[in-house]
Amino acid sequence: MSFHQQVVVDCRGHLLGRLASIVAKELLNGQQVVCVRSEDINISGSLYRAKLKYANFKRKHTNSNPRHGPFHQRAPAKILWRTVRGMVPHKTARGAAALDRLKCFEGIPHPFDRKKRMVVPQALKVLRLRPERRFCKLGDLASEFGWKHKDLIKRLEDQRKVKSEAFHKKKTAATRARSDAVKKVKVSAEDQKILEAAGFA
């Protein structure tokens, strides 16, 4: 990615580890990254296999007092955040500053639904995973382990998609109208000379 003020990544259809590694590198380079729709991230391997892995991870806790950690986050955005944290030297000042540049969300909340969203081709499931291989969604794994907001996020996303489609139709109609108007416009010979002199011929 070239440097921008802030990059909004639409995580839908990306593979978890590949996306996290690219995001981690960008963060360490000083880029602000916002990851939206983290519940639609894919993980290679079946849901059954992912559940076995997560159950194994859940068993790991401080023996004398489990409240001391490690903490097992259930929300997809937090799972993504922790995956990125594992790829960043988060105990140094540089790593901590890099993690502060990352924001993760389920769905696409308000300010980011109006912004241009990117994909990361190197991490897309359709380009990186053979079609016959099994995969699962992070949202499904999270809801199996106690994430309670899957239905809420789905409802909010359905509402957002209706608005988004209306906006897109309006925008395409306006673009088409403008291009038609540009084709139809007639310019007098005098004005044409002035345009040519200004470099708009």
N, C-alpha and C. Protein backbone atom coordinates (compact mmCIF):
# COMPACT_ATOMS: atom_id res chain seq x y z
N MET A 1 0.85 -1.20 0.00
CA MET A 1 0.00 0.00 0.00
C MET A 1 0.88 1.25 0.00
N SER A 2 0.50 2.24 -0.79
CA SER A 2 1.21 3.51 -0.70
C SER A 2 0.68 4.25 0.53
N PHE A 3 1.41 5.23 1.00
CA PHE A 3 1.04 5.86 2.27
C PHE A 3 -0.17 6.79 2.11
N HIS A 4 -1.16 6.59 2.96
CA HIS A 4 -2.35 7.44 3.02
C HIS A 4 -2.54 7.88 4.46
N GLN A 5 -3.43 8.85 4.66
CA GLN A 5 -3.74 9.28 6.02
C GLN A 5 -4.29 8.11 6.83
N GLN A 6 -5.20 7.37 6.20
CA GLN A 6 -5.83 6.24 6.87
C GLN A 6 -6.32 5.26 5.80
N VAL A 7 -6.05 3.97 5.99
CA VAL A 7 -6.50 2.97 5.03
C VAL A 7 -7.61 2.16 5.68
N VAL A 8 -8.77 2.06 5.01
CA VAL A 8 -9.88 1.25 5.51
C VAL A 8 -9.90 -0.05 4.71
N VAL A 9 -9.69 -1.17 5.40
CA VAL A 9 -9.64 -2.48 4.74
C VAL A 9 -10.95 -3.22 4.98
N ASP A 10 -11.60 -3.64 3.89
CA ASP A 10 -12.81 -4.46 4.01
C ASP A 10 -12.34 -5.92 4.10
N CYS A 11 -12.49 -6.52 5.29
CA CYS A 11 -11.88 -7.83 5.55
C CYS A 11 -12.65 -9.00 4.94
N ARG A 12 -13.82 -8.75 4.35
CA ARG A 12 -14.63 -9.85 3.84
C ARG A 12 -13.87 -10.64 2.78
N GLY A 13 -13.81 -11.97 2.98
CA GLY A 13 -13.18 -12.84 1.99
C GLY A 13 -11.66 -12.92 2.06
N HIS A 14 -11.07 -12.33 3.12
CA HIS A 14 -9.62 -12.43 3.31
C HIS A 14 -9.27 -13.57 4.26
N LEU A 15 -8.08 -14.12 4.11
CA LEU A 15 -7.61 -15.15 5.04
C LEU A 15 -6.96 -14.48 6.24
N LEU A 16 -7.28 -14.99 7.42
CA LEU A 16 -6.91 -14.32 8.68
C LEU A 16 -5.41 -14.05 8.81
N GLY A 17 -4.59 -15.08 8.70
CA GLY A 17 -3.15 -14.91 8.93
C GLY A 17 -2.47 -14.04 7.89
N ARG A 18 -2.85 -14.24 6.63
CA ARG A 18 -2.23 -13.47 5.54
C ARG A 18 -2.59 -11.99 5.65
N LEU A 19 -3.86 -11.73 5.98
CA LEU A 19 -4.29 -10.34 6.15
C LEU A 19 -3.55 -9.70 7.33
N ALA A 20 -3.49 -10.44 8.44
CA ALA A 20 -2.86 -9.91 9.66
C ALA A 20 -1.40 -9.56 9.42
N SER A 21 -0.67 -10.41 8.66
CA SER A 21 0.77 -10.14 8.46
C SER A 21 0.99 -8.88 7.64
N ILE A 22 0.14 -8.66 6.62
CA ILE A 22 0.27 -7.46 5.78
C ILE A 22 -0.11 -6.21 6.57
N VAL A 23 -1.19 -6.33 7.37
CA VAL A 23 -1.63 -5.20 8.21
C VAL A 23 -0.53 -4.85 9.22
N ALA A 24 0.07 -5.89 9.83
CA ALA A 24 1.13 -5.67 10.83
C ALA A 24 2.30 -4.89 10.23
N LYS A 25 2.69 -5.27 9.00
CA LYS A 25 3.82 -4.60 8.34
C LYS A 25 3.49 -3.13 8.07
N GLU A 26 2.25 -2.89 7.62
CA GLU A 26 1.83 -1.51 7.34
C GLU A 26 1.84 -0.67 8.62
N LEU A 27 1.36 -1.26 9.71
CA LEU A 27 1.32 -0.54 10.99
C LEU A 27 2.72 -0.14 11.43
N LEU A 28 3.67 -1.08 11.28
CA LEU A 28 5.05 -0.80 11.70
C LEU A 28 5.70 0.24 10.80
N ASN A 29 5.18 0.38 9.58
CA ASN A 29 5.69 1.42 8.66
C ASN A 29 5.06 2.78 8.93
N GLY A 30 4.12 2.86 9.89
CA GLY A 30 3.53 4.14 10.26
C GLY A 30 2.17 4.40 9.66
N GLN A 31 1.59 3.41 9.00
CA GLN A 31 0.29 3.59 8.36
C GLN A 31 -0.85 3.34 9.36
N GLN A 32 -1.86 4.19 9.34
CA GLN A 32 -3.07 3.92 10.15
C GLN A 32 -3.98 3.00 9.37
N VAL A 33 -4.41 1.91 10.01
CA VAL A 33 -5.25 0.92 9.33
C VAL A 33 -6.54 0.69 10.12
N VAL A 34 -7.67 0.69 9.41
CA VAL A 34 -8.96 0.36 10.02
C VAL A 34 -9.49 -0.88 9.32
N CYS A 35 -9.76 -1.94 10.09
CA CYS A 35 -10.29 -3.17 9.51
C CYS A 35 -11.78 -3.27 9.81
N VAL A 36 -12.61 -3.32 8.77
CA VAL A 36 -14.06 -3.43 8.98
C VAL A 36 -14.56 -4.78 8.46
N ARG A 37 -15.76 -5.17 8.88
CA ARG A 37 -16.37 -6.46 8.52
C ARG A 37 -15.48 -7.64 8.92
N SER A 38 -14.90 -7.58 10.13
CA SER A 38 -13.99 -8.64 10.55
C SER A 38 -14.69 -9.97 10.78
N GLU A 39 -16.04 -9.94 10.92
CA GLU A 39 -16.76 -11.21 11.13
C GLU A 39 -16.80 -12.05 9.85
N ASP A 40 -16.48 -11.43 8.69
CA ASP A 40 -16.51 -12.16 7.42
C ASP A 40 -15.13 -12.62 6.96
N ILE A 41 -14.14 -12.53 7.84
CA ILE A 41 -12.80 -13.06 7.53
C ILE A 41 -12.90 -14.58 7.41
N ASN A 42 -12.10 -15.15 6.51
CA ASN A 42 -12.06 -16.61 6.37
C ASN A 42 -10.84 -17.19 7.06
N ILE A 43 -10.99 -18.45 7.51
CA ILE A 43 -9.86 -19.20 8.06
C ILE A 43 -9.80 -20.49 7.26
N SER A 44 -8.60 -20.88 6.80
CA SER A 44 -8.50 -22.13 6.05
C SER A 44 -8.71 -23.29 7.02
N GLY A 45 -9.27 -24.39 6.51
CA GLY A 45 -9.62 -25.53 7.36
C GLY A 45 -11.07 -25.44 7.78
N SER A 46 -11.65 -26.58 8.10
CA SER A 46 -13.08 -26.62 8.44
C SER A 46 -13.36 -25.92 9.76
N LEU A 47 -14.64 -25.62 9.99
CA LEU A 47 -15.04 -24.99 11.27
C LEU A 47 -14.72 -25.92 12.43
N TYR A 48 -14.90 -27.23 12.21
CA TYR A 48 -14.61 -28.22 13.26
C TYR A 48 -13.14 -28.12 13.71
N ARG A 49 -12.25 -27.99 12.72
CA ARG A 49 -10.81 -27.90 13.02
C ARG A 49 -10.48 -26.59 13.76
N ALA A 50 -11.12 -25.50 13.29
CA ALA A 50 -10.89 -24.20 13.94
C ALA A 50 -11.38 -24.23 15.39
N LYS A 51 -12.52 -24.93 15.62
CA LYS A 51 -13.06 -25.03 16.98
C LYS A 51 -12.12 -25.82 17.88
N LEU A 52 -11.53 -26.88 17.34
CA LEU A 52 -10.56 -27.67 18.12
C LEU A 52 -9.36 -26.79 18.52
N LYS A 53 -8.88 -26.00 17.56
CA LYS A 53 -7.73 -25.13 17.82
C LYS A 53 -8.06 -24.10 18.90
N TYR A 54 -9.26 -23.49 18.75
CA TYR A 54 -9.63 -22.44 19.71
C TYR A 54 -9.87 -23.02 21.09
N ALA A 55 -10.46 -24.22 21.14
CA ALA A 55 -10.69 -24.89 22.44
C ALA A 55 -9.36 -25.17 23.12
N ASN A 56 -8.36 -25.55 22.32
CA ASN A 56 -7.02 -25.81 22.85
C ASN A 56 -6.40 -24.53 23.40
N PHE A 57 -6.61 -23.43 22.67
CA PHE A 57 -6.10 -22.12 23.11
C PHE A 57 -6.80 -21.68 24.40
N LYS A 58 -8.11 -21.98 24.49
CA LYS A 58 -8.89 -21.57 25.67
C LYS A 58 -8.42 -22.24 26.96
N ARG A 59 -7.83 -23.44 26.81
CA ARG A 59 -7.35 -24.16 27.99
C ARG A 59 -6.15 -23.47 28.64
N LYS A 60 -5.46 -22.64 27.89
CA LYS A 60 -4.21 -22.05 28.39
C LYS A 60 -4.53 -20.82 29.24
N HIS A 61 -4.26 -20.93 30.53
CA HIS A 61 -4.48 -19.78 31.42
C HIS A 61 -3.54 -19.89 32.60
N THR A 62 -3.42 -18.80 33.35
CA THR A 62 -2.56 -18.81 34.53
C THR A 62 -3.15 -19.78 35.56
N ASN A 63 -2.33 -20.71 36.00
CA ASN A 63 -2.84 -21.79 36.86
C ASN A 63 -3.34 -21.27 38.20
N SER A 64 -2.56 -20.38 38.81
CA SER A 64 -2.91 -19.91 40.15
C SER A 64 -4.08 -18.93 40.13
N ASN A 65 -4.16 -18.11 39.07
CA ASN A 65 -5.25 -17.15 38.96
C ASN A 65 -5.54 -16.86 37.48
N PRO A 66 -6.56 -17.52 36.91
CA PRO A 66 -6.84 -17.36 35.47
C PRO A 66 -7.12 -15.92 35.05
N ARG A 67 -7.49 -15.06 36.02
CA ARG A 67 -7.77 -13.66 35.67
C ARG A 67 -6.52 -12.90 35.27
N HIS A 68 -5.36 -13.49 35.50
CA HIS A 68 -4.11 -12.84 35.09
C HIS A 68 -3.81 -13.05 33.59
N GLY A 69 -4.60 -13.88 32.92
CA GLY A 69 -4.41 -14.08 31.48
C GLY A 69 -3.81 -15.45 31.19
N PRO A 70 -3.54 -15.80 29.95
CA PRO A 70 -3.91 -15.08 28.73
C PRO A 70 -5.42 -14.95 28.57
N PHE A 71 -5.84 -13.86 27.94
CA PHE A 71 -7.27 -13.61 27.76
C PHE A 71 -7.72 -14.14 26.40
N HIS A 72 -8.87 -14.80 26.40
CA HIS A 72 -9.36 -15.42 25.16
C HIS A 72 -10.54 -14.60 24.64
N GLN A 73 -10.23 -13.68 23.74
CA GLN A 73 -11.27 -12.79 23.23
C GLN A 73 -12.25 -13.56 22.35
N ARG A 74 -13.54 -13.20 22.43
CA ARG A 74 -14.56 -13.91 21.66
C ARG A 74 -15.02 -13.14 20.42
N ALA A 75 -14.90 -11.81 20.43
CA ALA A 75 -15.40 -11.00 19.30
C ALA A 75 -14.43 -11.10 18.11
N PRO A 76 -14.96 -11.24 16.89
CA PRO A 76 -14.09 -11.37 15.70
C PRO A 76 -13.07 -10.23 15.57
N ALA A 77 -13.50 -8.99 15.86
CA ALA A 77 -12.58 -7.85 15.74
C ALA A 77 -11.42 -8.00 16.71
N LYS A 78 -11.72 -8.51 17.92
CA LYS A 78 -10.67 -8.69 18.93
C LYS A 78 -9.76 -9.86 18.58
N ILE A 79 -10.33 -10.91 17.95
CA ILE A 79 -9.50 -12.05 17.52
C ILE A 79 -8.51 -11.58 16.45
N LEU A 80 -9.00 -10.76 15.50
CA LEU A 80 -8.12 -10.21 14.47
C LEU A 80 -7.05 -9.33 15.11
N TRP A 81 -7.45 -8.49 16.07
CA TRP A 81 -6.52 -7.59 16.75
C TRP A 81 -5.41 -8.38 17.44
N ARG A 82 -5.79 -9.49 18.08
CA ARG A 82 -4.80 -10.30 18.79
C ARG A 82 -3.87 -11.02 17.81
N THR A 83 -4.42 -11.43 16.67
CA THR A 83 -3.59 -12.07 15.63
C THR A 83 -2.53 -11.09 15.13
N VAL A 84 -2.94 -9.85 14.92
CA VAL A 84 -1.98 -8.82 14.48
C VAL A 84 -0.96 -8.55 15.58
N ARG A 85 -1.44 -8.53 16.84
CA ARG A 85 -0.53 -8.27 17.97
C ARG A 85 0.61 -9.29 18.02
N GLY A 86 0.29 -10.53 17.66
CA GLY A 86 1.32 -11.57 17.66
C GLY A 86 2.39 -11.37 16.59
N MET A 87 2.12 -10.47 15.63
CA MET A 87 3.07 -10.23 14.53
C MET A 87 3.77 -8.89 14.69
N VAL A 88 3.58 -8.27 15.85
CA VAL A 88 4.15 -6.94 16.13
C VAL A 88 4.91 -7.03 17.45
N PRO A 89 6.08 -6.39 17.56
CA PRO A 89 6.80 -6.43 18.85
C PRO A 89 6.11 -5.53 19.88
N HIS A 90 4.95 -5.97 20.37
CA HIS A 90 4.05 -5.07 21.10
C HIS A 90 4.55 -4.64 22.48
N LYS A 91 5.64 -5.25 22.94
CA LYS A 91 6.15 -4.85 24.27
C LYS A 91 7.17 -3.71 24.17
N THR A 92 7.54 -3.34 22.95
CA THR A 92 8.43 -2.18 22.78
C THR A 92 7.57 -0.96 22.49
N ALA A 93 8.16 0.22 22.64
CA ALA A 93 7.42 1.47 22.37
C ALA A 93 6.98 1.52 20.92
N ARG A 94 7.87 1.08 20.03
CA ARG A 94 7.56 1.11 18.59
C ARG A 94 6.37 0.21 18.27
N GLY A 95 6.36 -0.99 18.85
CA GLY A 95 5.28 -1.93 18.60
C GLY A 95 3.96 -1.46 19.21
N ALA A 96 4.04 -0.89 20.42
CA ALA A 96 2.82 -0.39 21.08
C ALA A 96 2.22 0.76 20.27
N ALA A 97 3.10 1.63 19.73
CA ALA A 97 2.63 2.75 18.91
C ALA A 97 1.99 2.22 17.63
N ALA A 98 2.57 1.14 17.08
CA ALA A 98 2.02 0.55 15.85
C ALA A 98 0.61 0.00 16.12
N LEU A 99 0.44 -0.69 17.26
CA LEU A 99 -0.88 -1.27 17.58
C LEU A 99 -1.92 -0.18 17.82
N ASP A 100 -1.46 0.97 18.31
CA ASP A 100 -2.41 2.09 18.51
C ASP A 100 -2.95 2.62 17.18
N ARG A 101 -2.22 2.31 16.08
CA ARG A 101 -2.67 2.77 14.76
C ARG A 101 -3.72 1.84 14.16
N LEU A 102 -4.00 0.73 14.84
CA LEU A 102 -4.95 -0.26 14.30
C LEU A 102 -6.31 -0.15 14.97
N LYS A 103 -7.37 -0.18 14.15
CA LYS A 103 -8.73 -0.27 14.69
C LYS A 103 -9.43 -1.41 13.97
N CYS A 104 -10.17 -2.22 14.72
CA CYS A 104 -10.90 -3.35 14.12
C CYS A 104 -12.37 -3.26 14.51
N PHE A 105 -13.25 -3.54 13.56
CA PHE A 105 -14.69 -3.47 13.82
C PHE A 105 -15.42 -4.65 13.18
N GLU A 106 -16.52 -5.07 13.84
CA GLU A 106 -17.48 -5.94 13.16
C GLU A 106 -18.43 -5.03 12.38
N GLY A 107 -18.87 -5.48 11.22
CA GLY A 107 -19.73 -4.63 10.41
C GLY A 107 -18.94 -3.41 9.92
N ILE A 108 -19.68 -2.42 9.42
CA ILE A 108 -19.01 -1.17 8.99
C ILE A 108 -19.69 -0.01 9.71
N PRO A 109 -19.16 0.41 10.87
CA PRO A 109 -19.81 1.48 11.64
C PRO A 109 -19.70 2.84 10.95
N HIS A 110 -20.37 3.85 11.55
CA HIS A 110 -20.70 5.08 10.84
C HIS A 110 -19.61 5.79 10.04
N PRO A 111 -18.51 6.26 10.62
CA PRO A 111 -17.68 7.10 9.74
C PRO A 111 -17.11 6.33 8.55
N PHE A 112 -16.93 5.00 8.71
CA PHE A 112 -16.22 4.23 7.69
C PHE A 112 -17.15 3.72 6.58
N ASP A 113 -18.48 3.80 6.80
CA ASP A 113 -19.38 3.36 5.73
C ASP A 113 -19.42 4.38 4.59
N ARG A 114 -18.86 5.59 4.84
CA ARG A 114 -18.82 6.62 3.80
C ARG A 114 -17.44 6.72 3.14
N LYS A 115 -16.51 5.87 3.56
CA LYS A 115 -15.14 6.00 3.05
C LYS A 115 -14.82 4.88 2.07
N LYS A 116 -13.83 5.14 1.23
CA LYS A 116 -13.41 4.13 0.25
C LYS A 116 -12.72 2.98 0.99
N ARG A 117 -13.14 1.76 0.64
CA ARG A 117 -12.57 0.60 1.31
C ARG A 117 -11.66 -0.17 0.35
N MET A 118 -10.59 -0.73 0.91
CA MET A 118 -9.60 -1.44 0.11
C MET A 118 -9.72 -2.94 0.34
N VAL A 119 -9.17 -3.73 -0.60
CA VAL A 119 -8.93 -5.14 -0.32
C VAL A 119 -7.42 -5.39 -0.46
N VAL A 120 -6.97 -6.52 0.08
CA VAL A 120 -5.55 -6.88 0.00
C VAL A 120 -5.45 -8.12 -0.88
N PRO A 121 -5.08 -7.97 -2.17
CA PRO A 121 -5.12 -9.12 -3.09
C PRO A 121 -4.28 -10.32 -2.61
N GLN A 122 -3.14 -10.04 -1.94
CA GLN A 122 -2.27 -11.14 -1.48
C GLN A 122 -2.93 -12.00 -0.42
N ALA A 123 -4.03 -11.49 0.19
CA ALA A 123 -4.66 -12.22 1.29
C ALA A 123 -6.05 -12.74 0.95
N LEU A 124 -6.50 -12.53 -0.29
CA LEU A 124 -7.87 -12.95 -0.64
C LEU A 124 -7.97 -14.47 -0.75
N LYS A 125 -9.05 -15.00 -0.19
CA LYS A 125 -9.24 -16.46 -0.20
C LYS A 125 -9.35 -16.99 -1.62
N VAL A 126 -10.06 -16.27 -2.50
CA VAL A 126 -10.26 -16.77 -3.87
C VAL A 126 -8.95 -16.87 -4.64
N LEU A 127 -7.95 -16.07 -4.25
CA LEU A 127 -6.67 -16.10 -4.95
C LEU A 127 -5.64 -17.00 -4.26
N ARG A 128 -5.87 -17.30 -2.98
CA ARG A 128 -4.85 -17.99 -2.20
C ARG A 128 -5.20 -19.41 -1.78
N LEU A 129 -6.49 -19.75 -1.82
CA LEU A 129 -6.91 -21.07 -1.34
C LEU A 129 -7.51 -21.84 -2.51
N ARG A 130 -7.08 -23.09 -2.69
CA ARG A 130 -7.62 -23.87 -3.81
C ARG A 130 -9.12 -24.10 -3.60
N PRO A 131 -9.88 -24.09 -4.70
CA PRO A 131 -11.35 -24.07 -4.56
C PRO A 131 -11.93 -25.27 -3.82
N GLU A 132 -11.24 -26.43 -3.87
CA GLU A 132 -11.82 -27.61 -3.20
C GLU A 132 -11.50 -27.66 -1.70
N ARG A 133 -10.64 -26.75 -1.23
CA ARG A 133 -10.24 -26.77 0.18
C ARG A 133 -11.34 -26.20 1.08
N ARG A 134 -11.39 -26.74 2.30
CA ARG A 134 -12.39 -26.27 3.25
C ARG A 134 -11.95 -24.95 3.88
N PHE A 135 -12.92 -24.16 4.28
CA PHE A 135 -12.63 -22.93 5.01
C PHE A 135 -13.82 -22.62 5.90
N CYS A 136 -13.63 -21.70 6.84
CA CYS A 136 -14.76 -21.30 7.69
C CYS A 136 -14.69 -19.79 7.91
N LYS A 137 -15.75 -19.23 8.49
CA LYS A 137 -15.80 -17.79 8.73
C LYS A 137 -15.51 -17.50 10.20
N LEU A 138 -14.81 -16.41 10.43
CA LEU A 138 -14.43 -16.04 11.80
C LEU A 138 -15.66 -15.75 12.66
N GLY A 139 -16.70 -15.16 12.06
CA GLY A 139 -17.94 -14.87 12.79
C GLY A 139 -18.61 -16.12 13.33
N ASP A 140 -18.58 -17.22 12.52
CA ASP A 140 -19.18 -18.48 12.96
C ASP A 140 -18.41 -19.07 14.13
N LEU A 141 -17.07 -19.01 14.03
CA LEU A 141 -16.22 -19.52 15.12
C LEU A 141 -16.47 -18.74 16.40
N ALA A 142 -16.53 -17.40 16.26
CA ALA A 142 -16.71 -16.52 17.43
C ALA A 142 -18.05 -16.80 18.11
N SER A 143 -19.12 -16.95 17.30
CA SER A 143 -20.45 -17.17 17.90
C SER A 143 -20.54 -18.54 18.58
N GLU A 144 -19.75 -19.51 18.11
CA GLU A 144 -19.71 -20.83 18.77
C GLU A 144 -19.08 -20.72 20.15
N PHE A 145 -18.18 -19.74 20.33
CA PHE A 145 -17.45 -19.62 21.60
C PHE A 145 -17.95 -18.47 22.48
N GLY A 146 -19.14 -17.94 22.15
CA GLY A 146 -19.74 -16.99 23.10
C GLY A 146 -19.87 -15.55 22.63
N TRP A 147 -19.58 -15.28 21.35
CA TRP A 147 -19.84 -13.93 20.83
C TRP A 147 -21.34 -13.81 20.58
N LYS A 148 -21.98 -12.81 21.18
CA LYS A 148 -23.44 -12.78 21.21
C LYS A 148 -24.08 -11.87 20.15
N HIS A 149 -23.28 -11.18 19.37
CA HIS A 149 -23.84 -10.10 18.55
C HIS A 149 -23.93 -10.42 17.06
N LYS A 150 -23.88 -11.69 16.71
CA LYS A 150 -23.90 -12.07 15.28
C LYS A 150 -25.19 -11.59 14.60
N ASP A 151 -26.34 -11.81 15.24
CA ASP A 151 -27.62 -11.43 14.65
C ASP A 151 -27.77 -9.90 14.56
N LEU A 152 -27.29 -9.22 15.60
CA LEU A 152 -27.35 -7.75 15.62
C LEU A 152 -26.54 -7.17 14.46
N ILE A 153 -25.31 -7.67 14.29
CA ILE A 153 -24.43 -7.18 13.22
C ILE A 153 -25.08 -7.45 11.85
N LYS A 154 -25.69 -8.64 11.71
CA LYS A 154 -26.35 -8.98 10.44
C LYS A 154 -27.48 -8.00 10.14
N ARG A 155 -28.28 -7.66 11.17
CA ARG A 155 -29.38 -6.73 10.98
C ARG A 155 -28.87 -5.34 10.58
N LEU A 156 -27.85 -4.86 11.28
CA LEU A 156 -27.28 -3.54 10.97
C LEU A 156 -26.66 -3.51 9.57
N GLU A 157 -26.00 -4.61 9.20
CA GLU A 157 -25.38 -4.69 7.87
C GLU A 157 -26.44 -4.68 6.77
N ASP A 158 -27.56 -5.39 7.00
CA ASP A 158 -28.64 -5.40 6.00
C ASP A 158 -29.19 -3.99 5.79
N GLN A 159 -29.35 -3.24 6.90
CA GLN A 159 -29.82 -1.85 6.80
C GLN A 159 -28.82 -0.99 6.01
N ARG A 160 -27.53 -1.19 6.32
CA ARG A 160 -26.49 -0.40 5.67
C ARG A 160 -26.45 -0.70 4.17
N LYS A 161 -26.62 -1.98 3.80
CA LYS A 161 -26.54 -2.35 2.39
C LYS A 161 -27.68 -1.73 1.57
N VAL A 162 -28.86 -1.59 2.19
CA VAL A 162 -29.99 -0.93 1.50
C VAL A 162 -29.63 0.52 1.19
N LYS A 163 -29.10 1.23 2.20
CA LYS A 163 -28.69 2.64 2.01
C LYS A 163 -27.58 2.74 0.96
N SER A 164 -26.62 1.82 1.06
CA SER A 164 -25.46 1.84 0.18
C SER A 164 -25.88 1.64 -1.28
N GLU A 165 -26.83 0.73 -1.49
CA GLU A 165 -27.29 0.46 -2.86
C GLU A 165 -28.01 1.68 -3.44
N ALA A 166 -28.83 2.34 -2.59
CA ALA A 166 -29.55 3.55 -3.04
C ALA A 166 -28.55 4.63 -3.44
N PHE A 167 -27.51 4.81 -2.61
CA PHE A 167 -26.47 5.81 -2.89
C PHE A 167 -25.76 5.49 -4.20
N HIS A 168 -25.45 4.19 -4.40
CA HIS A 168 -24.72 3.78 -5.60
C HIS A 168 -25.54 4.04 -6.87
N LYS A 169 -26.84 3.73 -6.81
CA LYS A 169 -27.72 3.97 -7.96
C LYS A 169 -27.77 5.46 -8.31
N LYS A 170 -27.89 6.29 -7.26
CA LYS A 170 -27.94 7.74 -7.44
C LYS A 170 -26.65 8.25 -8.06
N LYS A 171 -25.53 7.71 -7.58
CA LYS A 171 -24.22 8.15 -8.06
C LYS A 171 -24.01 7.76 -9.53
N THR A 172 -24.38 6.51 -9.89
CA THR A 172 -24.20 6.07 -11.28
C THR A 172 -25.10 6.87 -12.22
N ALA A 173 -26.33 7.17 -11.76
CA ALA A 173 -27.24 7.97 -12.58
C ALA A 173 -26.66 9.37 -12.82
N ALA A 174 -26.09 9.98 -11.77
CA ALA A 174 -25.50 11.32 -11.89
C ALA A 174 -24.30 11.30 -12.85
N THR A 175 -23.46 10.25 -12.74
CA THR A 175 -22.28 10.15 -13.62
C THR A 175 -22.70 10.00 -15.07
N ARG A 176 -23.73 9.14 -15.28
CA ARG A 176 -24.22 8.93 -16.64
C ARG A 176 -24.80 10.22 -17.23
N ALA A 177 -25.57 10.94 -16.40
CA ALA A 177 -26.18 12.20 -16.85
C ALA A 177 -25.09 13.21 -17.24
N ARG A 178 -24.03 13.25 -16.43
CA ARG A 178 -22.94 14.19 -16.70
C ARG A 178 -22.23 13.84 -18.01
N SER A 179 -21.95 12.54 -18.22
CA SER A 179 -21.24 12.14 -19.44
C SER A 179 -22.10 12.41 -20.69
N ASP A 180 -23.42 12.19 -20.55
CA ASP A 180 -24.33 12.49 -21.67
C ASP A 180 -24.34 13.99 -21.99
N ALA A 181 -24.36 14.81 -20.91
CA ALA A 181 -24.38 16.27 -21.09
C ALA A 181 -23.10 16.74 -21.77
N VAL A 182 -21.95 16.13 -21.40
CA VAL A 182 -20.67 16.51 -21.99
C VAL A 182 -20.66 16.18 -23.49
N LYS A 183 -21.26 15.02 -23.85
CA LYS A 183 -21.30 14.63 -25.27
C LYS A 183 -22.16 15.58 -26.09
N LYS A 184 -23.29 15.99 -25.52
CA LYS A 184 -24.26 16.81 -26.26
C LYS A 184 -23.85 18.27 -26.41
N VAL A 185 -22.97 18.75 -25.53
CA VAL A 185 -22.68 20.18 -25.47
C VAL A 185 -22.06 20.69 -26.78
N LYS A 186 -22.49 21.87 -27.19
CA LYS A 186 -21.96 22.51 -28.41
C LYS A 186 -21.13 23.72 -27.99
N VAL A 187 -19.94 23.83 -28.55
CA VAL A 187 -19.06 24.95 -28.23
C VAL A 187 -18.83 25.78 -29.49
N SER A 188 -18.97 27.11 -29.35
CA SER A 188 -18.75 27.99 -30.52
C SER A 188 -17.27 28.01 -30.90
N ALA A 189 -17.01 28.44 -32.12
CA ALA A 189 -15.63 28.45 -32.64
C ALA A 189 -14.71 29.32 -31.78
N GLU A 190 -15.24 30.48 -31.34
CA GLU A 190 -14.43 31.39 -30.50
C GLU A 190 -14.05 30.71 -29.19
N ASP A 191 -15.08 30.10 -28.56
CA ASP A 191 -14.81 29.43 -27.28
C ASP A 191 -13.86 28.26 -27.46
N GLN A 192 -13.96 27.57 -28.61
CA GLN A 192 -13.07 26.44 -28.87
C GLN A 192 -11.63 26.90 -28.93
N LYS A 193 -11.39 28.07 -29.56
CA LYS A 193 -10.02 28.61 -29.63
C LYS A 193 -9.48 28.93 -28.26
N ILE A 194 -10.37 29.53 -27.42
CA ILE A 194 -9.94 29.87 -26.05
C ILE A 194 -9.60 28.59 -25.27
N LEU A 195 -10.44 27.56 -25.44
CA LEU A 195 -10.19 26.27 -24.76
C LEU A 195 -8.86 25.66 -25.23
N GLU A 196 -8.62 25.72 -26.54
CA GLU A 196 -7.39 25.16 -27.09
C GLU A 196 -6.16 25.91 -26.56
N ALA A 197 -6.29 27.23 -26.46
CA ALA A 197 -5.19 28.04 -25.93
C ALA A 197 -4.90 27.66 -24.47
N ALA A 198 -5.96 27.32 -23.73
CA ALA A 198 -5.80 26.97 -22.30
C ALA A 198 -5.41 25.50 -22.13
N GLY A 199 -5.40 24.76 -23.26
CA GLY A 199 -4.98 23.34 -23.18
C GLY A 199 -6.12 22.37 -22.89
N PHE A 200 -7.38 22.77 -23.16
CA PHE A 200 -8.52 21.90 -22.91
C PHE A 200 -9.13 21.33 -24.19
N ALA A 201 -8.40 21.39 -25.30
CA ALA A 201 -8.96 20.96 -26.58
C ALA A 201 -9.20 19.45 -26.58
